[in-house]
C-alpha atoms as a PDB file:
ATOM      1  CA  MET A   1      -7.208 -12.234 -19.372  1.00  0.00           C
ATOM      2  CA  ASN A   2      -4.978  -9.577 -20.595  1.00  0.00           C
ATOM      3  CA  ALA A   3      -7.639  -6.719 -18.841  1.00  0.00           C
ATOM      4  CA  LEU A   4      -7.254  -8.266 -15.463  1.00  0.00           C
ATOM      5  CA  ILE A   5      -3.263  -9.316 -16.036  1.00  0.00           C
ATOM      6  CA  THR A   6      -3.655  -5.103 -16.749  1.00  0.00           C
ATOM      7  CA  LEU A   7      -5.709  -4.340 -13.228  1.00  0.00           C
ATOM      8  CA  ALA A   8      -4.018  -6.419 -11.552  1.00  0.00           C
ATOM      9  CA  ILE A   9      -0.228  -4.920 -12.300  1.00  0.00           C
ATOM     10  CA  ILE A  10      -1.893  -1.332 -11.940  1.00  0.00           C
ATOM     11  CA  CYS A  11      -3.102  -2.212  -8.714  1.00  0.00           C
ATOM     12  CA  VAL A  12       0.686  -3.493  -7.666  1.00  0.00           C
ATOM     13  CA  ALA A  13       1.993  -0.699  -9.097  1.00  0.00           C
ATOM     14  CA  VAL A  14      -0.338   1.789  -7.163  1.00  0.00           C
ATOM     15  CA  HIS A  15       0.434   0.108  -3.937  1.00  0.00           C
ATOM     16  CA  ILE A  16       4.190   0.124  -4.381  1.00  0.00           C
ATOM     17  CA  VAL A  17       4.165   3.681  -4.651  1.00  0.00           C
ATOM     18  CA  SER A  18       1.652   4.518  -1.931  1.00  0.00           C
ATOM     19  CA  SER A  19       4.105   2.396   0.490  1.00  0.00           C
ATOM     20  CA  ILE A  20       6.931   5.031  -0.895  1.00  0.00           C
ATOM     21  CA  MET A  21       4.391   7.693   0.079  1.00  0.00           C
ATOM     22  CA  ILE A  22       3.766   6.426   3.709  1.00  0.00           C
ATOM     23  CA  TYR A  23       7.630   5.922   3.888  1.00  0.00           C
ATOM     24  CA  HIS A  24       7.891   9.415   2.548  1.00  0.00           C
ATOM     25  CA  TYR A  25       5.542  11.003   4.636  1.00  0.00           C
ATOM     26  CA  LEU A  26       7.052   9.611   7.810  1.00  0.00           C
ATOM     27  CA  ARG A  27      10.683  10.455   6.990  1.00  0.00           C
ATOM     28  CA  VAL A  28       9.767  13.927   6.789  1.00  0.00           C
ATOM     29  CA  ARG A  29       8.546  14.183   9.911  1.00  0.00           C
ATOM     30  CA  GLY A  30      11.801  12.631  11.928  1.00  0.00           C
ATOM     31  CA  GLU A  31      10.681   9.077  11.972  1.00  0.00           C
ATOM     32  CA  ARG A  32      13.715   6.317  11.788  1.00  0.00           C
ATOM     33  CA  LEU A  33      13.559   4.514   8.635  1.00  0.00           C
ATOM     34  CA  CYS A  34      15.459   1.726   6.225  1.00  0.00           C
ATOM     35  CA  PHE A  35      14.321   1.832   2.941  1.00  0.00           C
ATOM     36  CA  PRO A  36      16.369  -1.677   2.064  1.00  0.00           C
ATOM     37  CA  LEU A  37      14.188  -3.617   4.278  1.00  0.00           C
ATOM     38  CA  ILE A  38      10.750  -1.063   3.300  1.00  0.00           C
ATOM     39  CA  LYS A  39       9.043  -4.934   2.435  1.00  0.00           C
ATOM     40  CA  LEU A  40      10.042  -5.950   6.189  1.00  0.00           C
ATOM     41  CA  PHE A  41       8.504  -2.922   7.493  1.00  0.00           C
ATOM     42  CA  ILE A  42       5.737  -1.675   5.901  1.00  0.00           C
ATOM     43  CA  PHE A  43       3.126  -2.806   7.846  1.00  0.00           C
ATOM     44  CA  SER A  44       4.706  -1.095  11.311  1.00  0.00           C
ATOM     45  CA  TYR A  45       4.963   2.153   8.642  1.00  0.00           C
ATOM     46  CA  VAL A  46       2.096   1.988   7.876  1.00  0.00           C
ATOM     47  CA  LYS A  47       0.534   1.692  11.357  1.00  0.00           C
ATOM     48  CA  ARG A  48       2.929   5.052  11.975  1.00  0.00           C
ATOM     49  CA  TYR A  49       1.367   6.466   9.366  1.00  0.00           C
ATOM     50  CA  ARG A  50      -2.423   6.248  10.479  1.00  0.00           C
ATOM     51  CA  GLU A  51      -1.046   6.853  14.196  1.00  0.00           C
ATOM     52  CA  LEU A  52       0.354  10.286  13.082  1.00  0.00           C
ATOM     53  CA  THR A  53      -2.776  10.964  10.805  1.00  0.00           C
ATOM     54  CA  ARG A  54      -5.062  10.577  13.165  1.00  0.00           C
ATOM     55  CA  GLU A  55      -2.915  12.740  16.147  1.00  0.00           C
ATOM     56  CA  GLU A  56      -2.581  15.408  13.236  1.00  0.00           C
ATOM     57  CA  THR A  57      -5.517  15.287  11.681  1.00  0.00           C
ATOM     58  CA  GLY A  58      -7.907  13.503  13.417  1.00  0.00           C
ATOM     59  CA  LYS A  59      -8.471  11.060  10.942  1.00  0.00           C
ATOM     60  CA  THR A  60      -6.621   8.548   8.582  1.00  0.00           C
ATOM     61  CA  GLY A  61      -4.583   9.893   6.273  1.00  0.00           C
ATOM     62  CA  PRO A  62      -5.381   8.978   2.842  1.00  0.00           C
ATOM     63  CA  LEU A  63      -2.459   6.865   1.725  1.00  0.00           C
ATOM     64  CA  PHE A  64      -3.572   4.349   4.433  1.00  0.00           C
ATOM     65  CA  TYR A  65      -6.921   3.367   1.803  1.00  0.00           C
ATOM     66  CA  VAL A  66      -4.869   3.898  -0.457  1.00  0.00           C
ATOM     67  CA  TRP A  67      -2.478   0.877   0.272  1.00  0.00           C
ATOM     68  CA  THR A  68      -4.891  -0.927   2.056  1.00  0.00           C
ATOM     69  CA  ILE A  69      -7.530  -0.925  -0.884  1.00  0.00           C
ATOM     70  CA  SER A  70      -5.257  -1.331  -3.865  1.00  0.00           C
ATOM     71  CA  ILE A  71      -3.496  -4.740  -2.419  1.00  0.00           C
ATOM     72  CA  ASN A  72      -6.955  -5.729  -2.039  1.00  0.00           C
ATOM     73  CA  LEU A  73      -8.051  -5.114  -5.423  1.00  0.00           C
ATOM     74  CA  ALA A  74      -4.898  -6.438  -7.143  1.00  0.00           C
ATOM     75  CA  LEU A  75      -6.362 -10.004  -5.048  1.00  0.00           C
ATOM     76  CA  ILE A  76      -9.431 -10.031  -7.202  1.00  0.00           C
ATOM     77  CA  PRO A  77      -7.802 -10.470 -11.066  1.00  0.00           C
ATOM     78  CA  VAL A  78      -5.409 -12.720  -9.442  1.00  0.00           C
ATOM     79  CA  LEU A  79      -7.874 -15.032  -7.871  1.00  0.00           C
ATOM     80  CA  LEU A  80      -9.816 -15.027 -10.792  1.00  0.00           C
ATOM     81  CA  LEU A  81      -7.525 -16.095 -13.244  1.00  0.00           C
ATOM     82  CA  ILE A  82      -6.635 -18.808 -10.829  1.00  0.00           C
ATOM     83  CA  ILE A  83     -10.033 -19.836 -11.005  1.00  0.00           C
ATOM     84  CA  SER A  84     -10.219 -19.520 -14.615  1.00  0.00           C
ATOM     85  CA  LYS A  85      -7.459 -21.978 -14.538  1.00  0.00           C
ATOM     86  CA  ILE A  86      -9.155 -24.337 -13.112  1.00  0.00           C
END
């Protein structure tokens, strides 16, 4: 059970760090962003990151995949913990 909790915490931490890295990427490229409201606007920031990286390189940037996969991987241990409590 501790391993599942640890895995979920690590995945959430990776998700948070990748969100901040996406914010930084956009900020460096001159986008107007609001860090205090990052939770509110993160989906539009990720969409903009994806668009910009596709324009620049022709491919979606790696942070998009890290951001998406990490939160989905965090969901698995949480669901397993919930199921084990039932």
